[in-house]
């Protein structure tokens, strides 16, 4: 763990002081804007998960297909 120096300790103290004395924003987010924001966040998370799944699944699928072709058709379906 890095040792805190005086400038970094002062920076952390200043950030904590500013965060503790922050005044809350007097703003209202309506139901339509809130649902839109939640939907956008969930859509973004879904897109990222599908992107990761695509990058992992398709190369794995290709690798499995090559392995089955190398083993020959008699070992591809051992139950039949």
Foldseek 3Di string as FASTA:
>chain_A
DDDDDPVNVVVVVVVVVCVVPDDDDPDDDDPVNVVVVVVVVVVVVVVVVVVVCVVPVPVVVVVVVVVLVVVPPCPNCVVD
